[in-house]
Amino acid sequence: MADQRTPEDIQALKDNWYKDPIFDIEDTEGFEAHREELLRYSIESKEHWKKLKKEKYNRLCSMICPILSIGVEGYGNCKVEECAWWNSDRQCCGMLPHKEVVISGGINTHPY
């Protein structure tokens, strides 16, 4: 079994891997004694990145989709890239009935 590494060695490995996670950190040669800790770190990091990606995706969707941007009830699961109802000529969603909506101090006619 490999020798124990110092906490500084482990942290340096984690920091380097976090910046460029192209290898399985838990299989790093010379760190066999720390495999469980490194595997746990890998899993936690990947879960964190997945959460950040989802948050970014939702933030971008809410900036693009008028339904999400004004918070129309019942349309919280709208996915812009999957939307077959988006009318690019009118810049609005064809799923919702037309009605006047006050947007940024003005009145605009949109189908939501």
N, C-alpha and C. Protein backbone atom coordinates (compact mmCIF):
# COMPACT_ATOMS: atom_id res chain seq x y z
N MET A 1 0.84 -1.17 0.00
CA MET A 1 0.00 0.00 0.00
C MET A 1 0.89 1.24 0.00
N ALA A 2 0.42 2.29 -0.67
CA ALA A 2 1.20 3.52 -0.77
C ALA A 2 1.27 4.23 0.57
N ASP A 3 2.31 5.03 0.69
CA ASP A 3 2.47 5.82 1.90
C ASP A 3 1.37 6.87 2.00
N GLN A 4 1.11 7.28 3.23
CA GLN A 4 0.15 8.36 3.46
C GLN A 4 0.74 9.66 2.93
N ARG A 5 -0.07 10.44 2.28
CA ARG A 5 0.35 11.75 1.78
C ARG A 5 -0.05 12.81 2.79
N THR A 6 0.62 13.93 2.73
CA THR A 6 0.29 15.02 3.64
C THR A 6 -1.02 15.68 3.20
N PRO A 7 -1.71 16.33 4.12
CA PRO A 7 -2.93 17.05 3.74
C PRO A 7 -2.66 18.09 2.63
N GLU A 8 -1.46 18.67 2.65
CA GLU A 8 -1.11 19.65 1.61
C GLU A 8 -1.00 18.99 0.24
N ASP A 9 -0.41 17.77 0.21
CA ASP A 9 -0.31 17.02 -1.05
C ASP A 9 -1.69 16.69 -1.60
N ILE A 10 -2.58 16.26 -0.71
CA ILE A 10 -3.94 15.89 -1.13
C ILE A 10 -4.68 17.12 -1.64
N GLN A 11 -4.54 18.22 -0.93
CA GLN A 11 -5.23 19.45 -1.35
C GLN A 11 -4.68 19.95 -2.69
N ALA A 12 -3.39 19.85 -2.89
CA ALA A 12 -2.80 20.27 -4.16
C ALA A 12 -3.33 19.41 -5.31
N LEU A 13 -3.44 18.11 -5.07
CA LEU A 13 -4.00 17.21 -6.08
C LEU A 13 -5.45 17.60 -6.38
N LYS A 14 -6.24 17.82 -5.34
CA LYS A 14 -7.64 18.21 -5.53
C LYS A 14 -7.75 19.52 -6.31
N ASP A 15 -6.93 20.50 -5.94
CA ASP A 15 -6.96 21.80 -6.62
C ASP A 15 -6.62 21.67 -8.10
N ASN A 16 -5.59 20.89 -8.40
CA ASN A 16 -5.20 20.69 -9.80
C ASN A 16 -6.28 19.94 -10.57
N TRP A 17 -6.84 18.92 -9.96
CA TRP A 17 -7.89 18.15 -10.62
C TRP A 17 -9.13 19.00 -10.86
N TYR A 18 -9.49 19.81 -9.89
CA TYR A 18 -10.70 20.65 -9.99
C TYR A 18 -10.61 21.59 -11.19
N LYS A 19 -9.41 22.10 -11.46
CA LYS A 19 -9.21 23.02 -12.59
C LYS A 19 -9.28 22.29 -13.93
N ASP A 20 -8.93 21.01 -13.94
CA ASP A 20 -8.88 20.25 -15.19
C ASP A 20 -9.16 18.77 -14.90
N PRO A 21 -10.43 18.43 -14.69
CA PRO A 21 -10.78 17.07 -14.25
C PRO A 21 -10.84 16.05 -15.39
N ILE A 22 -9.72 15.83 -16.05
CA ILE A 22 -9.71 14.93 -17.20
C ILE A 22 -9.32 13.50 -16.82
N PHE A 23 -9.07 13.25 -15.57
CA PHE A 23 -8.69 11.91 -15.13
C PHE A 23 -9.47 11.57 -13.87
N ASP A 24 -9.49 10.29 -13.53
CA ASP A 24 -10.16 9.84 -12.32
C ASP A 24 -9.23 10.08 -11.14
N ILE A 25 -9.54 11.10 -10.37
CA ILE A 25 -8.65 11.52 -9.27
C ILE A 25 -8.43 10.39 -8.27
N GLU A 26 -9.43 9.57 -8.07
CA GLU A 26 -9.31 8.49 -7.07
C GLU A 26 -8.32 7.41 -7.49
N ASP A 27 -7.94 7.39 -8.76
CA ASP A 27 -6.98 6.40 -9.25
C ASP A 27 -5.57 6.98 -9.42
N THR A 28 -5.31 8.13 -8.84
CA THR A 28 -4.02 8.77 -8.99
C THR A 28 -2.92 7.95 -8.31
N GLU A 29 -1.89 7.66 -9.07
CA GLU A 29 -0.77 6.88 -8.56
C GLU A 29 -0.10 7.62 -7.41
N GLY A 30 0.19 6.88 -6.38
CA GLY A 30 0.83 7.46 -5.20
C GLY A 30 -0.17 7.93 -4.15
N PHE A 31 -1.45 7.93 -4.48
CA PHE A 31 -2.49 8.37 -3.55
C PHE A 31 -3.48 7.24 -3.25
N GLU A 32 -3.03 6.00 -3.42
CA GLU A 32 -3.89 4.85 -3.23
C GLU A 32 -4.49 4.80 -1.82
N ALA A 33 -3.74 5.23 -0.83
CA ALA A 33 -4.22 5.21 0.56
C ALA A 33 -5.36 6.21 0.78
N HIS A 34 -5.57 7.10 -0.16
CA HIS A 34 -6.59 8.15 -0.02
C HIS A 34 -7.71 8.00 -1.04
N ARG A 35 -7.80 6.80 -1.60
CA ARG A 35 -8.77 6.56 -2.68
C ARG A 35 -10.19 6.93 -2.29
N GLU A 36 -10.65 6.51 -1.13
CA GLU A 36 -12.04 6.79 -0.70
C GLU A 36 -12.28 8.29 -0.58
N GLU A 37 -11.36 8.99 0.03
CA GLU A 37 -11.50 10.45 0.17
C GLU A 37 -11.54 11.13 -1.20
N LEU A 38 -10.67 10.70 -2.10
CA LEU A 38 -10.61 11.30 -3.43
C LEU A 38 -11.85 10.96 -4.25
N LEU A 39 -12.36 9.76 -4.10
CA LEU A 39 -13.58 9.37 -4.79
C LEU A 39 -14.76 10.21 -4.29
N ARG A 40 -14.85 10.37 -2.99
CA ARG A 40 -15.90 11.20 -2.40
C ARG A 40 -15.79 12.64 -2.91
N TYR A 41 -14.58 13.16 -2.99
CA TYR A 41 -14.36 14.51 -3.50
C TYR A 41 -14.80 14.62 -4.97
N SER A 42 -14.48 13.61 -5.75
CA SER A 42 -14.86 13.58 -7.16
C SER A 42 -16.39 13.60 -7.31
N ILE A 43 -17.06 12.76 -6.56
CA ILE A 43 -18.53 12.68 -6.63
C ILE A 43 -19.16 13.99 -6.20
N GLU A 44 -18.69 14.55 -5.09
CA GLU A 44 -19.24 15.82 -4.59
C GLU A 44 -19.00 16.96 -5.58
N SER A 45 -17.82 16.98 -6.19
CA SER A 45 -17.50 18.03 -7.16
C SER A 45 -18.41 17.92 -8.39
N LYS A 46 -18.59 16.70 -8.87
CA LYS A 46 -19.44 16.49 -10.04
C LYS A 46 -20.89 16.85 -9.75
N GLU A 47 -21.37 16.55 -8.54
CA GLU A 47 -22.73 16.95 -8.15
C GLU A 47 -22.84 18.47 -8.08
N HIS A 48 -21.80 19.12 -7.56
CA HIS A 48 -21.78 20.58 -7.47
C HIS A 48 -21.81 21.20 -8.88
N TRP A 49 -21.00 20.67 -9.78
CA TRP A 49 -20.97 21.19 -11.15
C TRP A 49 -22.31 20.99 -11.84
N LYS A 50 -22.93 19.85 -11.58
CA LYS A 50 -24.24 19.57 -12.17
C LYS A 50 -25.28 20.58 -11.67
N LYS A 51 -25.23 20.88 -10.38
CA LYS A 51 -26.14 21.87 -9.79
C LYS A 51 -25.90 23.24 -10.40
N LEU A 52 -24.63 23.63 -10.52
CA LEU A 52 -24.31 24.93 -11.12
C LEU A 52 -24.77 25.01 -12.56
N LYS A 53 -24.59 23.93 -13.31
CA LYS A 53 -25.02 23.88 -14.71
C LYS A 53 -26.53 24.05 -14.81
N LYS A 54 -27.26 23.36 -13.93
CA LYS A 54 -28.73 23.47 -13.94
C LYS A 54 -29.17 24.88 -13.59
N GLU A 55 -28.54 25.48 -12.59
CA GLU A 55 -28.88 26.85 -12.20
C GLU A 55 -28.61 27.82 -13.35
N LYS A 56 -27.49 27.65 -14.02
CA LYS A 56 -27.16 28.51 -15.16
C LYS A 56 -28.16 28.31 -16.28
N TYR A 57 -28.50 27.06 -16.56
CA TYR A 57 -29.47 26.74 -17.60
C TYR A 57 -30.82 27.41 -17.29
N ASN A 58 -31.29 27.27 -16.06
CA ASN A 58 -32.57 27.86 -15.68
C ASN A 58 -32.52 29.39 -15.76
N ARG A 59 -31.39 29.97 -15.38
CA ARG A 59 -31.23 31.42 -15.45
C ARG A 59 -31.28 31.88 -16.91
N LEU A 60 -30.60 31.16 -17.80
CA LEU A 60 -30.60 31.52 -19.22
C LEU A 60 -31.99 31.33 -19.82
N CYS A 61 -32.66 30.24 -19.47
CA CYS A 61 -34.01 30.01 -19.99
C CYS A 61 -34.95 31.13 -19.56
N SER A 62 -34.84 31.56 -18.32
CA SER A 62 -35.73 32.62 -17.85
C SER A 62 -35.45 33.95 -18.53
N MET A 63 -34.23 34.15 -19.04
CA MET A 63 -33.94 35.38 -19.78
C MET A 63 -34.46 35.30 -21.21
N ILE A 64 -34.54 34.09 -21.75
CA ILE A 64 -34.95 33.90 -23.13
C ILE A 64 -36.47 33.74 -23.24
N CYS A 65 -37.05 32.95 -22.38
CA CYS A 65 -38.46 32.58 -22.47
C CYS A 65 -39.33 33.61 -21.77
N PRO A 66 -40.27 34.23 -22.49
CA PRO A 66 -41.12 35.25 -21.85
C PRO A 66 -42.03 34.67 -20.78
N ILE A 67 -42.40 33.42 -20.91
CA ILE A 67 -43.25 32.80 -19.89
C ILE A 67 -42.47 32.68 -18.59
N LEU A 68 -41.25 32.18 -18.68
CA LEU A 68 -40.43 32.02 -17.48
C LEU A 68 -40.00 33.37 -16.93
N SER A 69 -39.73 34.34 -17.80
CA SER A 69 -39.21 35.62 -17.32
C SER A 69 -40.22 36.40 -16.51
N ILE A 70 -41.52 36.23 -16.78
CA ILE A 70 -42.52 36.95 -15.98
C ILE A 70 -43.20 36.04 -14.98
N GLY A 71 -42.82 34.76 -14.99
CA GLY A 71 -43.33 33.82 -13.98
C GLY A 71 -44.79 33.47 -14.15
N VAL A 72 -45.23 33.15 -15.35
CA VAL A 72 -46.61 32.74 -15.57
C VAL A 72 -46.84 31.42 -14.85
N GLU A 73 -47.85 31.37 -14.01
CA GLU A 73 -48.13 30.18 -13.21
C GLU A 73 -48.43 28.98 -14.08
N GLY A 74 -47.85 27.84 -13.74
CA GLY A 74 -48.10 26.60 -14.44
C GLY A 74 -47.15 26.34 -15.60
N TYR A 75 -46.23 27.26 -15.86
CA TYR A 75 -45.30 27.08 -16.97
C TYR A 75 -43.85 27.05 -16.49
N GLY A 76 -43.64 26.57 -15.30
CA GLY A 76 -42.31 26.54 -14.74
C GLY A 76 -41.38 25.50 -15.34
N ASN A 77 -41.94 24.56 -16.10
CA ASN A 77 -41.10 23.52 -16.67
C ASN A 77 -40.84 23.74 -18.15
N CYS A 78 -41.10 24.92 -18.64
CA CYS A 78 -40.89 25.26 -20.04
C CYS A 78 -39.40 25.14 -20.37
N LYS A 79 -39.09 24.50 -21.48
CA LYS A 79 -37.71 24.37 -21.93
C LYS A 79 -37.60 24.98 -23.31
N VAL A 80 -36.92 26.10 -23.40
CA VAL A 80 -36.86 26.89 -24.62
C VAL A 80 -36.40 26.07 -25.82
N GLU A 81 -35.34 25.30 -25.67
CA GLU A 81 -34.81 24.59 -26.83
C GLU A 81 -35.73 23.46 -27.28
N GLU A 82 -36.70 23.07 -26.45
CA GLU A 82 -37.65 22.04 -26.82
C GLU A 82 -38.98 22.63 -27.28
N CYS A 83 -39.07 23.93 -27.28
CA CYS A 83 -40.35 24.59 -27.50
C CYS A 83 -40.70 24.65 -29.00
N ALA A 84 -41.75 23.94 -29.35
CA ALA A 84 -42.24 23.98 -30.73
C ALA A 84 -43.27 25.09 -30.91
N TRP A 85 -43.63 25.74 -29.83
CA TRP A 85 -44.67 26.77 -29.88
C TRP A 85 -44.13 28.18 -30.02
N TRP A 86 -42.84 28.35 -29.96
CA TRP A 86 -42.26 29.69 -30.05
C TRP A 86 -42.47 30.26 -31.44
N ASN A 87 -43.09 31.41 -31.52
CA ASN A 87 -43.35 32.08 -32.78
C ASN A 87 -42.27 33.15 -32.95
N SER A 88 -41.28 32.87 -33.78
CA SER A 88 -40.15 33.79 -33.93
C SER A 88 -40.54 35.08 -34.63
N ASP A 89 -41.56 35.05 -35.48
CA ASP A 89 -42.01 36.28 -36.14
C ASP A 89 -42.60 37.27 -35.14
N ARG A 90 -43.37 36.74 -34.21
CA ARG A 90 -44.03 37.60 -33.21
C ARG A 90 -43.28 37.67 -31.90
N GLN A 91 -42.22 36.87 -31.77
CA GLN A 91 -41.41 36.81 -30.54
C GLN A 91 -42.28 36.51 -29.32
N CYS A 92 -43.07 35.45 -29.43
CA CYS A 92 -43.93 35.09 -28.32
C CYS A 92 -44.25 33.60 -28.38
N CYS A 93 -44.78 33.10 -27.31
CA CYS A 93 -45.16 31.70 -27.21
C CYS A 93 -46.58 31.53 -27.73
N GLY A 94 -46.77 30.59 -28.61
CA GLY A 94 -48.09 30.34 -29.17
C GLY A 94 -48.98 29.48 -28.30
N MET A 95 -48.49 29.05 -27.16
CA MET A 95 -49.27 28.17 -26.27
C MET A 95 -50.31 28.92 -25.46
N LEU A 96 -50.06 30.19 -25.19
CA LEU A 96 -50.93 30.92 -24.28
C LEU A 96 -51.84 31.88 -25.04
N PRO A 97 -53.03 32.10 -24.53
CA PRO A 97 -53.95 33.01 -25.21
C PRO A 97 -53.46 34.45 -25.16
N HIS A 98 -53.83 35.24 -26.16
CA HIS A 98 -53.42 36.65 -26.21
C HIS A 98 -54.14 37.45 -25.13
N LYS A 99 -53.42 38.35 -24.53
CA LYS A 99 -53.99 39.35 -23.65
C LYS A 99 -52.95 40.43 -23.45
N GLU A 100 -53.39 41.61 -23.09
CA GLU A 100 -52.44 42.69 -22.88
C GLU A 100 -51.72 42.47 -21.56
N VAL A 101 -50.45 42.70 -21.59
CA VAL A 101 -49.61 42.52 -20.41
C VAL A 101 -48.73 43.75 -20.26
N VAL A 102 -48.62 44.24 -19.04
CA VAL A 102 -47.74 45.38 -18.79
C VAL A 102 -46.33 44.85 -18.61
N ILE A 103 -45.43 45.30 -19.49
CA ILE A 103 -44.04 44.87 -19.42
C ILE A 103 -43.16 46.10 -19.40
N SER A 104 -42.33 46.22 -18.40
CA SER A 104 -41.38 47.32 -18.25
C SER A 104 -42.06 48.68 -18.43
N GLY A 105 -43.19 48.85 -17.81
CA GLY A 105 -43.85 50.14 -17.82
C GLY A 105 -44.72 50.41 -19.04
N GLY A 106 -44.67 49.56 -20.05
CA GLY A 106 -45.50 49.75 -21.24
C GLY A 106 -46.50 48.63 -21.37
N ILE A 107 -47.46 48.82 -22.26
CA ILE A 107 -48.42 47.74 -22.50
C ILE A 107 -48.09 47.10 -23.83
N ASN A 108 -47.88 45.81 -23.80
CA ASN A 108 -47.56 45.04 -25.01
C ASN A 108 -48.58 43.94 -25.15
N THR A 109 -48.93 43.62 -26.37
CA THR A 109 -49.83 42.50 -26.60
C THR A 109 -48.98 41.28 -26.91
N HIS A 110 -49.05 40.32 -26.01
CA HIS A 110 -48.33 39.06 -26.15
C HIS A 110 -49.29 37.94 -25.87
N PRO A 111 -49.01 36.76 -26.34
CA PRO A 111 -49.92 35.64 -26.07
C PRO A 111 -49.68 35.02 -24.70
N TYR A 112 -49.44 35.81 -23.71
CA TYR A 112 -49.34 35.30 -22.34
C TYR A 112 -49.94 36.28 -21.39
